[in-house]
Amino acid sequence: MSALAPAPATRRSPWRCLRYPSMRWWSLANLVSNAGTWMQLTVQNLLVLQVTGSAAMTGVSLAVQAGPGLLLGLIGGAAVDAWPRKLTAALSQAALGAVAFTTAALVAFGALNVPLLLILSAVTGVIATVDNPACALLGNDLVRTRDVPSAIALGSAVHSVGRLAGTALAGGAVVLFGTAAAFVANGLSFVFVAAVIPFLRLIDRSTDPDAQVAPAEAARPSADPREGLRFFFGRPRLVALAAITGLSAIFGRNYALTLAVLVTGPLAAGPGAFGTVSTALAIGGIAGALLAGLLQRPSVRLVAAMAGAGAVLQIATGFTPTLALLILLVIPMAVVESVSDTAGTTVLQTDPPPHMRGRVLGVWRSLSTGWGLIGPPVIGVLMELAGARAALVAGGLVIALAATAGLALGARRAPRPAAETAPAPEPAPRPAELAAVA
């Protein structure tokens, strides 16, 4: 049996995407890249503090790096739709590597100052507007449509493992080789990814029974971002996905802030205890990614259901009296968050026709950057006014009510079964048609 015709027992395996050799190489490259990225991120804020001496400037540098995603996400997505996918991803990875090496050289020679720091942050943000959708869609192009959820779930697990590895390696690298070593390692990781990309083999969608086929007029490169906006906001399920994900991001997923305040405040534990909670979140995230790999055709309804479940758990954490109980609660919180993320990402990357996916991801990047910037201040003010416990409970209630309303509305709009409306049997729909049902 060929690699592209798996045995029935393997069709639901969370690791089924790994039967594609190119996906195995891509996963290895992503593991190396994520480890390098988290090595750099671990020391980056400390470096900004050393250079500027200002905590506020640290926030400014992060905002400067995130800003292009908010303002230029649409343009970056249009570029991904217009340019060859592998070439775009390889060039963007090489460009990010050049920025990392440049930063390492400036640090090593003591030449990094505030203006250069902000310029490098802005350049990184601009490149990422192209790199993120290009790499996301390239990974999907390595597997058949039915295995995209497995590929996305594997990517989530690789991200979590890379984060743990990179954070652990950062301290040793800085002690042994200095701060510049983290930037050098990250630069090398980008070079490795760029070197792997030319050898990846894309799936021929003409032989994929579940794949959408782009219309003939879409074969011409198009760089009009307005088409992405019109498509996204004209697609109710994508708007619903954005609504529930945005509410969850603003009121429910700022755990680095809410749980840190809860642990060190009402629970009267120290920073070390929050490190334990963070580890529990990472473990839950990896477990959730493995569970999400079993998904075949995720839907927006599943995203809403997972958001509601996570909201209930969040409300429970607001009432938890002990650190031990909190740790037990955050593991399933991370599990449902990971499943929800994988389901939402799969819908986002497979619902649009192939020629629109880059622009749809561009719209999503702009939206997600917006609520990523809004969330921490909103939840911070809420904690200042009402305390950590009340903020967790109130945020959970907002998400739970929105998820419940969305599920109820979706149930009302669901079409009647075909048996109630059709007088005679119809031919069985193709898998691609089934996949398009919300």
Protein backbone atom coordinates (compact mmCIF):
# COMPACT_ATOMS: atom_id res chain seq x y z
CA MET A 1 0.00 0.00 0.00
CA SER A 2 1.40 3.40 -0.97
CA ALA A 3 2.15 6.19 1.47
CA LEU A 4 -0.73 8.20 0.05
CA ALA A 5 -3.23 5.39 0.58
CA PRO A 6 -3.02 4.62 4.30
CA ALA A 7 -4.56 1.61 5.97
CA PRO A 8 -7.90 2.28 7.69
CA ALA A 9 -6.29 1.88 11.12
CA THR A 10 -3.97 4.82 10.48
CA ARG A 11 -6.49 7.25 9.00
CA ARG A 12 -7.40 8.67 12.42
CA SER A 13 -3.95 8.55 13.97
CA PRO A 14 -2.86 11.96 15.31
CA TRP A 15 0.51 11.32 13.67
CA ARG A 16 -0.88 10.32 10.26
CA CYS A 17 0.64 13.38 8.58
CA LEU A 18 4.11 12.00 9.33
CA ARG A 19 3.72 9.30 6.71
CA TYR A 20 4.58 12.04 4.18
CA PRO A 21 8.40 12.31 4.00
CA SER A 22 8.26 16.05 3.28
CA MET A 23 6.15 16.61 6.40
CA ARG A 24 8.73 14.78 8.49
CA TRP A 25 11.45 17.13 7.23
CA TRP A 26 9.19 20.16 7.67
CA SER A 27 8.38 19.17 11.26
CA LEU A 28 12.07 18.77 12.06
CA ALA A 29 12.79 22.16 10.54
CA ASN A 30 9.96 23.73 12.55
CA LEU A 31 11.25 22.17 15.76
CA VAL A 32 14.69 23.66 15.16
CA SER A 33 13.17 27.02 14.21
CA ASN A 34 10.89 27.17 17.24
CA ALA A 35 13.71 26.28 19.60
CA GLY A 36 15.84 29.05 18.10
CA THR A 37 12.98 31.55 18.25
CA TRP A 38 12.30 30.86 21.93
CA MET A 39 16.01 31.06 22.73
CA GLN A 40 15.95 34.56 21.28
CA LEU A 41 12.65 35.58 22.87
CA THR A 42 13.84 34.40 26.27
CA VAL A 43 16.70 36.90 26.28
CA GLN A 44 15.20 39.59 24.04
CA ASN A 45 13.24 41.47 26.70
CA LEU A 46 16.26 41.40 28.99
CA LEU A 47 18.36 42.79 26.15
CA VAL A 48 15.90 45.61 25.57
CA LEU A 49 16.03 46.49 29.26
CA GLN A 50 19.83 46.46 29.17
CA VAL A 51 19.94 48.72 26.10
CA THR A 52 17.21 51.16 27.10
CA GLY A 53 16.98 50.87 30.87
CA SER A 54 13.22 51.31 30.50
CA ALA A 55 10.42 48.79 31.00
CA ALA A 56 8.13 51.05 28.96
CA MET A 57 10.53 50.90 26.01
CA THR A 58 10.36 47.11 26.19
CA GLY A 59 6.64 47.38 25.56
CA VAL A 60 7.25 49.87 22.75
CA SER A 61 9.65 47.50 20.99
CA LEU A 62 7.10 44.69 21.18
CA ALA A 63 4.39 47.01 19.85
CA VAL A 64 6.65 48.12 16.96
CA GLN A 65 7.22 44.47 16.03
CA ALA A 66 3.49 43.65 16.24
CA GLY A 67 2.38 46.80 14.42
CA PRO A 68 3.09 45.59 10.85
CA GLY A 69 0.84 42.58 11.46
CA LEU A 70 -2.02 44.94 12.26
CA LEU A 71 -1.38 47.36 9.39
CA LEU A 72 0.16 45.20 6.67
CA GLY A 73 -1.35 41.76 7.26
CA LEU A 74 -3.62 42.12 4.24
CA ILE A 75 -0.75 43.04 1.94
CA GLY A 76 1.39 40.18 3.23
CA GLY A 77 -1.42 37.71 2.62
CA ALA A 78 -1.93 39.03 -0.90
CA ALA A 79 1.77 38.53 -1.61
CA VAL A 80 1.51 34.91 -0.48
CA ASP A 81 -1.38 34.34 -2.89
CA ALA A 82 0.48 35.98 -5.78
CA TRP A 83 3.96 34.47 -5.36
CA PRO A 84 5.18 30.84 -5.51
CA ARG A 85 4.67 29.36 -2.03
CA LYS A 86 8.01 27.58 -1.57
CA LEU A 87 10.06 30.49 -2.89
CA THR A 88 8.18 32.97 -0.71
CA ALA A 89 8.68 30.90 2.44
CA ALA A 90 12.36 30.27 1.73
CA LEU A 91 13.11 33.94 1.07
CA SER A 92 11.20 35.13 4.13
CA GLN A 93 13.01 32.63 6.35
CA ALA A 94 16.36 33.73 4.94
CA ALA A 95 15.43 37.38 5.56
CA LEU A 96 14.50 36.65 9.18
CA GLY A 97 17.82 34.85 9.57
CA ALA A 98 19.65 37.92 8.25
CA VAL A 99 17.88 40.11 10.84
CA ALA A 100 18.86 37.70 13.62
CA PHE A 101 22.52 37.63 12.52
CA THR A 102 22.56 41.43 12.24
CA THR A 103 21.21 41.76 15.77
CA ALA A 104 23.79 39.27 17.05
CA ALA A 105 26.62 41.25 15.45
CA LEU A 106 25.38 44.55 16.90
CA VAL A 107 25.10 42.98 20.36
CA ALA A 108 28.53 41.36 20.15
CA PHE A 109 30.21 44.64 19.20
CA GLY A 110 28.20 46.76 21.62
CA ALA A 111 26.71 48.81 18.78
CA LEU A 112 23.00 48.18 19.43
CA ASN A 113 21.11 51.32 20.41
CA VAL A 114 17.44 52.28 20.73
CA PRO A 115 16.86 53.49 17.12
CA LEU A 116 18.52 50.38 15.66
CA LEU A 117 16.57 48.19 18.04
CA LEU A 118 13.26 49.67 16.93
CA ILE A 119 14.22 49.43 13.26
CA LEU A 120 15.11 45.76 13.62
CA SER A 121 11.83 45.10 15.45
CA ALA A 122 9.86 46.81 12.67
CA VAL A 123 11.71 44.92 9.92
CA THR A 124 11.04 41.62 11.70
CA GLY A 125 7.35 42.48 11.91
CA VAL A 126 7.14 43.37 8.22
CA ILE A 127 8.82 40.13 7.13
CA ALA A 128 6.56 38.12 9.43
CA THR A 129 3.45 39.42 7.62
CA VAL A 130 4.58 37.34 4.65
CA ASP A 131 6.44 34.56 6.43
CA ASN A 132 3.66 33.45 8.78
CA PRO A 133 0.95 32.75 6.17
CA ALA A 134 3.49 31.40 3.68
CA CYS A 135 4.89 28.84 6.13
CA ALA A 136 1.44 27.92 7.48
CA LEU A 137 0.04 27.21 4.03
CA LEU A 138 3.23 25.48 2.86
CA GLY A 139 2.87 22.94 5.67
CA ASN A 140 -0.69 22.19 4.53
CA ASP A 141 0.49 21.76 0.94
CA LEU A 142 2.63 18.79 2.03
CA VAL A 143 -0.34 16.58 3.01
CA ARG A 144 -3.71 15.63 1.60
CA THR A 145 -6.70 17.71 2.67
CA ARG A 146 -8.04 15.11 5.09
CA ASP A 147 -4.70 15.14 6.92
CA VAL A 148 -4.48 18.93 7.36
CA PRO A 149 -5.86 18.77 10.96
CA SER A 150 -3.12 16.28 11.81
CA ALA A 151 -0.48 18.56 10.26
CA ILE A 152 -1.75 21.60 12.19
CA ALA A 153 -1.94 19.63 15.45
CA LEU A 154 1.58 18.34 14.93
CA GLY A 155 2.73 21.90 14.33
CA SER A 156 1.15 22.93 17.63
CA ALA A 157 2.93 20.11 19.47
CA VAL A 158 6.23 21.00 17.78
CA HIS A 159 5.72 24.62 18.84
CA SER A 160 5.21 23.59 22.47
CA VAL A 161 8.22 21.27 22.51
CA GLY A 162 10.36 23.89 20.77
CA ARG A 163 9.28 26.47 23.35
CA LEU A 164 10.31 24.25 26.24
CA ALA A 165 13.61 23.33 24.56
CA GLY A 166 14.45 26.88 23.51
CA THR A 167 13.70 28.33 26.93
CA ALA A 168 15.85 25.68 28.60
CA LEU A 169 18.74 26.16 26.15
CA ALA A 170 18.70 29.95 26.34
CA GLY A 171 20.06 30.19 29.87
CA GLY A 172 22.99 27.88 29.17
CA ALA A 173 23.82 29.56 25.86
CA VAL A 174 23.89 33.02 27.43
CA VAL A 175 26.03 31.87 30.35
CA LEU A 176 28.52 30.06 28.13
CA PHE A 177 28.62 32.27 25.04
CA GLY A 178 26.87 35.56 25.86
CA THR A 179 23.60 37.20 24.84
CA ALA A 180 24.50 37.30 21.14
CA ALA A 181 24.55 33.48 21.09
CA ALA A 182 20.73 33.31 21.28
CA PHE A 183 20.43 35.49 18.17
CA VAL A 184 23.07 33.46 16.33
CA ALA A 185 21.21 30.23 17.18
CA ASN A 186 17.95 31.71 15.93
CA GLY A 187 19.63 32.88 12.72
CA LEU A 188 21.02 29.39 12.11
CA SER A 189 17.57 27.89 12.68
CA PHE A 190 16.14 30.13 9.94
CA VAL A 191 18.94 29.10 7.59
CA PHE A 192 18.16 25.45 8.27
CA VAL A 193 14.48 25.93 7.42
CA ALA A 194 15.32 27.86 4.24
CA ALA A 195 17.68 25.05 3.19
CA VAL A 196 15.02 22.36 3.73
CA ILE A 197 12.20 24.11 1.81
CA PRO A 198 13.51 23.53 -1.78
CA PHE A 199 13.49 19.77 -1.20
CA LEU A 200 9.88 19.58 0.01
CA ARG A 201 7.41 17.83 -2.28
CA LEU A 202 3.97 19.44 -2.61
CA ILE A 203 0.84 17.32 -2.92
CA ASP A 204 -0.81 17.25 -6.34
CA ARG A 205 -4.31 18.53 -5.51
CA SER A 206 -5.68 17.18 -8.80
CA THR A 207 -5.37 13.68 -7.30
CA ASP A 208 -6.73 14.70 -3.87
CA PRO A 209 -10.47 13.81 -3.71
CA ASP A 210 -11.10 16.21 -0.79
CA ALA A 211 -9.31 19.21 -2.29
CA GLN A 212 -10.99 22.34 -3.55
CA VAL A 213 -10.05 23.23 -7.11
CA ALA A 214 -9.35 26.89 -7.75
CA PRO A 215 -11.30 28.46 -10.63
CA ALA A 216 -9.42 28.99 -13.85
CA GLU A 217 -9.44 32.76 -13.49
CA ALA A 218 -7.69 32.43 -10.15
CA ALA A 219 -4.64 30.90 -11.80
CA ARG A 220 -3.35 34.38 -12.56
CA PRO A 221 -1.43 35.98 -9.69
CA SER A 222 -3.59 38.48 -7.80
CA ALA A 223 -2.43 40.98 -5.22
CA ASP A 224 -5.65 42.81 -4.39
CA PRO A 225 -6.07 42.72 -0.59
CA ARG A 226 -9.65 44.00 -0.89
CA GLU A 227 -10.69 40.65 -2.29
CA GLY A 228 -9.57 39.04 0.96
CA LEU A 229 -11.62 41.49 3.01
CA ARG A 230 -14.72 40.97 0.88
CA PHE A 231 -14.42 37.21 1.03
CA PHE A 232 -13.72 37.05 4.77
CA PHE A 233 -16.55 39.31 5.89
CA GLY A 234 -18.91 37.80 3.34
CA ARG A 235 -18.38 34.35 4.85
CA PRO A 236 -20.54 34.00 8.01
CA ARG A 237 -18.62 31.06 9.43
CA LEU A 238 -15.32 32.96 9.22
CA VAL A 239 -16.90 36.00 10.89
CA ALA A 240 -18.29 33.72 13.63
CA LEU A 241 -14.85 32.14 14.05
CA ALA A 242 -13.26 35.57 14.42
CA ALA A 243 -15.89 36.65 16.95
CA ILE A 244 -15.52 33.69 19.32
CA THR A 245 -11.73 33.59 18.95
CA GLY A 246 -11.42 37.33 19.57
CA LEU A 247 -13.55 37.19 22.72
CA SER A 248 -11.54 34.21 23.97
CA ALA A 249 -8.26 36.00 23.30
CA ILE A 250 -9.33 39.19 25.08
CA PHE A 251 -11.12 37.72 28.09
CA GLY A 252 -9.76 34.22 28.47
CA ARG A 253 -6.27 33.51 27.19
CA ASN A 254 -4.07 36.03 28.92
CA TYR A 255 -2.91 33.36 31.36
CA ALA A 256 0.60 34.76 31.63
CA LEU A 257 -1.05 37.79 33.22
CA THR A 258 -4.18 36.52 34.99
CA LEU A 259 -2.74 33.34 36.45
CA ALA A 260 0.48 35.08 37.47
CA VAL A 261 -1.52 37.61 39.48
CA LEU A 262 -3.75 34.87 40.93
CA VAL A 263 -0.80 32.72 42.00
CA THR A 264 1.28 35.49 43.52
CA GLY A 265 -1.73 37.37 44.95
CA PRO A 266 -4.80 35.54 46.32
CA LEU A 267 -3.03 32.16 46.45
CA ALA A 268 0.03 33.74 48.13
CA ALA A 269 2.55 31.59 46.24
CA GLY A 270 5.84 32.71 44.71
CA PRO A 271 7.22 33.02 41.18
CA GLY A 272 8.40 29.43 41.35
CA ALA A 273 4.79 28.31 41.78
CA PHE A 274 3.77 30.19 38.66
CA GLY A 275 6.57 28.37 36.83
CA THR A 276 4.89 25.12 37.86
CA VAL A 277 1.55 26.40 36.57
CA SER A 278 3.21 27.39 33.27
CA THR A 279 4.66 23.89 32.95
CA ALA A 280 1.20 22.41 33.53
CA LEU A 281 -0.17 24.66 30.77
CA ALA A 282 2.55 23.46 28.40
CA ILE A 283 1.82 19.81 29.22
CA GLY A 284 -1.89 20.37 28.61
CA GLY A 285 -1.11 22.13 25.33
CA ILE A 286 0.90 19.17 24.06
CA ALA A 287 -1.80 16.70 25.15
CA GLY A 288 -4.43 18.84 23.44
CA ALA A 289 -2.40 18.91 20.23
CA LEU A 290 -2.25 15.12 20.21
CA LEU A 291 -6.01 14.92 20.76
CA ALA A 292 -6.66 17.52 18.06
CA GLY A 293 -4.69 15.41 15.60
CA LEU A 294 -7.61 12.95 15.61
CA LEU A 295 -9.92 15.55 14.06
CA GLN A 296 -11.04 14.92 10.49
CA ARG A 297 -13.26 17.89 9.55
CA PRO A 298 -13.27 20.46 12.37
CA SER A 299 -16.01 23.08 12.42
CA VAL A 300 -16.74 26.49 13.91
CA ARG A 301 -19.25 24.77 16.19
CA LEU A 302 -16.44 22.71 17.67
CA VAL A 303 -14.42 25.89 18.24
CA ALA A 304 -17.39 27.46 20.05
CA ALA A 305 -17.96 24.33 22.14
CA MET A 306 -14.30 24.21 23.16
CA ALA A 307 -14.36 27.92 23.98
CA GLY A 308 -17.38 27.37 26.21
CA ALA A 309 -15.72 24.44 27.97
CA GLY A 310 -12.57 26.48 28.51
CA ALA A 311 -14.65 29.35 29.88
CA VAL A 312 -16.27 27.06 32.47
CA LEU A 313 -12.83 25.87 33.58
CA GLN A 314 -11.63 29.47 33.73
CA ILE A 315 -14.55 30.38 36.00
CA ALA A 316 -13.60 27.45 38.23
CA THR A 317 -10.01 28.73 38.48
CA GLY A 318 -11.39 32.03 39.74
CA PHE A 319 -12.83 30.21 42.74
CA THR A 320 -9.98 27.74 43.32
CA PRO A 321 -8.71 27.87 46.92
CA THR A 322 -5.38 26.08 46.50
CA LEU A 323 -2.44 25.95 44.12
CA ALA A 324 -2.77 22.17 43.72
CA LEU A 325 -6.37 22.49 42.50
CA LEU A 326 -5.35 25.29 40.14
CA ILE A 327 -2.71 23.06 38.56
CA LEU A 328 -5.32 20.33 38.07
CA LEU A 329 -7.64 22.82 36.36
CA VAL A 330 -5.13 24.47 34.02
CA ILE A 331 -4.20 21.19 32.33
CA PRO A 332 -7.70 20.61 30.83
CA MET A 333 -7.88 24.37 30.14
CA ALA A 334 -4.81 24.06 27.95
CA VAL A 335 -6.17 20.88 26.34
CA VAL A 336 -9.43 22.49 25.18
CA GLU A 337 -7.55 25.62 24.07
CA SER A 338 -5.22 23.53 21.93
CA VAL A 339 -8.11 21.57 20.37
CA SER A 340 -9.97 24.81 19.71
CA ASP A 341 -6.90 26.41 18.12
CA THR A 342 -6.32 23.43 15.83
CA ALA A 343 -9.98 23.28 14.78
CA GLY A 344 -10.10 27.03 14.13
CA THR A 345 -6.84 27.05 12.21
CA THR A 346 -8.01 24.14 10.06
CA VAL A 347 -11.26 25.92 9.19
CA LEU A 348 -9.34 29.11 8.45
CA GLN A 349 -6.85 27.40 6.16
CA THR A 350 -9.20 25.04 4.32
CA ASP A 351 -12.55 26.86 4.09
CA PRO A 352 -11.40 29.51 1.55
CA PRO A 353 -10.60 28.41 -2.01
CA PRO A 354 -6.86 27.87 -2.58
CA HIS A 355 -6.31 31.16 -4.43
CA MET A 356 -7.74 33.18 -1.50
CA ARG A 357 -6.08 31.53 1.50
CA GLY A 358 -3.12 33.87 1.79
CA ARG A 359 -5.37 36.92 1.87
CA VAL A 360 -7.75 35.31 4.34
CA LEU A 361 -4.80 34.59 6.62
CA GLY A 362 -3.74 38.19 6.12
CA VAL A 363 -7.13 39.41 7.35
CA TRP A 364 -6.84 37.03 10.27
CA ARG A 365 -3.37 38.29 11.16
CA SER A 366 -4.62 41.86 11.27
CA LEU A 367 -7.57 40.88 13.46
CA SER A 368 -5.53 38.66 15.79
CA THR A 369 -2.86 41.32 16.20
CA GLY A 370 -5.59 43.78 17.14
CA TRP A 371 -7.14 41.66 19.86
CA GLY A 372 -3.66 40.59 20.99
CA LEU A 373 -2.88 44.27 21.65
CA ILE A 374 -6.27 44.98 23.21
CA GLY A 375 -6.49 41.95 25.50
CA PRO A 376 -3.75 42.56 28.09
CA PRO A 377 -4.75 46.19 28.85
CA VAL A 378 -8.45 45.24 29.13
CA ILE A 379 -7.87 42.32 31.46
CA GLY A 380 -5.27 44.34 33.38
CA VAL A 381 -7.75 47.14 34.06
CA LEU A 382 -10.37 44.56 35.04
CA MET A 383 -7.99 43.02 37.56
CA GLU A 384 -7.10 46.44 38.94
CA LEU A 385 -10.78 47.23 39.48
CA ALA A 386 -12.12 43.88 40.64
CA GLY A 387 -9.16 41.62 41.44
CA ALA A 388 -7.75 38.52 39.73
CA ARG A 389 -10.52 36.16 40.82
CA ALA A 390 -13.33 38.42 39.64
CA ALA A 391 -11.53 39.08 36.34
CA LEU A 392 -11.23 35.36 35.63
CA VAL A 393 -14.88 34.74 36.51
CA ALA A 394 -16.21 37.74 34.57
CA GLY A 395 -14.11 36.93 31.51
CA GLY A 396 -15.22 33.30 31.61
CA LEU A 397 -18.87 34.36 31.79
CA VAL A 398 -18.50 36.61 28.74
CA ILE A 399 -16.98 33.79 26.69
CA ALA A 400 -19.44 31.16 27.93
CA LEU A 401 -22.46 33.32 27.12
CA ALA A 402 -21.12 34.16 23.66
CA ALA A 403 -20.31 30.51 22.90
CA THR A 404 -23.74 29.36 24.09
CA ALA A 405 -25.50 32.02 22.02
CA GLY A 406 -23.45 31.12 18.96
CA LEU A 407 -24.19 27.41 19.29
CA ALA A 408 -27.89 28.11 19.75
CA LEU A 409 -28.00 30.39 16.72
CA GLY A 410 -26.09 27.85 14.65
CA ALA A 411 -28.54 25.11 15.66
CA ARG A 412 -31.51 27.26 14.59
CA ARG A 413 -29.95 27.92 11.20
CA ALA A 414 -28.93 24.31 10.59
CA PRO A 415 -30.69 22.85 7.52
CA ARG A 416 -33.17 20.04 7.89
CA PRO A 417 -31.96 16.52 7.07
CA ALA A 418 -32.19 15.71 3.39
CA ALA A 419 -34.62 12.85 4.14
CA GLU A 420 -37.24 15.41 5.30
CA THR A 421 -37.03 17.60 2.22
CA ALA A 422 -36.14 15.34 -0.71
CA PRO A 423 -38.76 13.04 -2.20
CA ALA A 424 -36.15 10.78 -3.73
CA PRO A 425 -32.60 9.77 -2.85
CA GLU A 426 -29.88 11.97 -4.27
CA PRO A 427 -26.41 10.83 -5.34
CA ALA A 428 -23.94 10.68 -2.46
CA PRO A 429 -21.98 13.97 -2.12
CA ARG A 430 -18.29 14.04 -2.77
CA PRO A 431 -15.99 14.38 0.28
CA ALA A 432 -15.13 17.94 -0.76
CA GLU A 433 -18.82 18.88 -0.57
CA LEU A 434 -19.14 17.34 2.89
CA ALA A 435 -16.09 19.25 4.05
CA ALA A 436 -17.68 22.54 3.02
CA VAL A 437 -20.65 22.05 5.38
CA ALA A 438 -20.21 24.22 8.48
